[in-house]
Amino acid sequence: QLQLVESGGGLVQPGGSLRLSCAASGFTLDYYAIGWFRQAPGKEREGVSCISGSGGSTNYLDSVKGRFTISRDIAKNTVYLQMNSLKPEDTANYYCAARPRGFRNCVLSSGEYDYWGQGTQVTVSS
């Protein structure tokens, strides 16, 4: 059974950092693109970052470029999102998702992803 479990969320002050983890089970990362998405209350879900199954392609939302970094550990079957210089507008529930047809490239469109985790809350506030 394919499963994604996010962790690492919490409360952080503006300018702080968090590292989110997305632990995958029931499949290996090699042939799946993994995306990070977020949704704040009253707002639509938006794609934050993604990494292809090959690991050779990544994408970022413009507003997080230079602050967020996506990476993965194949041995642990886990994808990470390192978030630095956090801002109050980064506050949201963060989800990871898997896309089976994502070996070469990844996209930040939520409709392209078939499997989703339960989310982890990130709150940036002083």
Foldseek 3Di string as FASTA:
>chain_A
DWAWAKDWADEAAQQAKIKMKIQIPPDFLQQKKKWKWWDAPPDDIWTAKIAFSNRPEMDGDPVQPPFWDWDDDRVRSMIMIIGGRDDQVVWTWMKMFIARRGNPYDDTDPVRTDGIHPTDTHGYHD
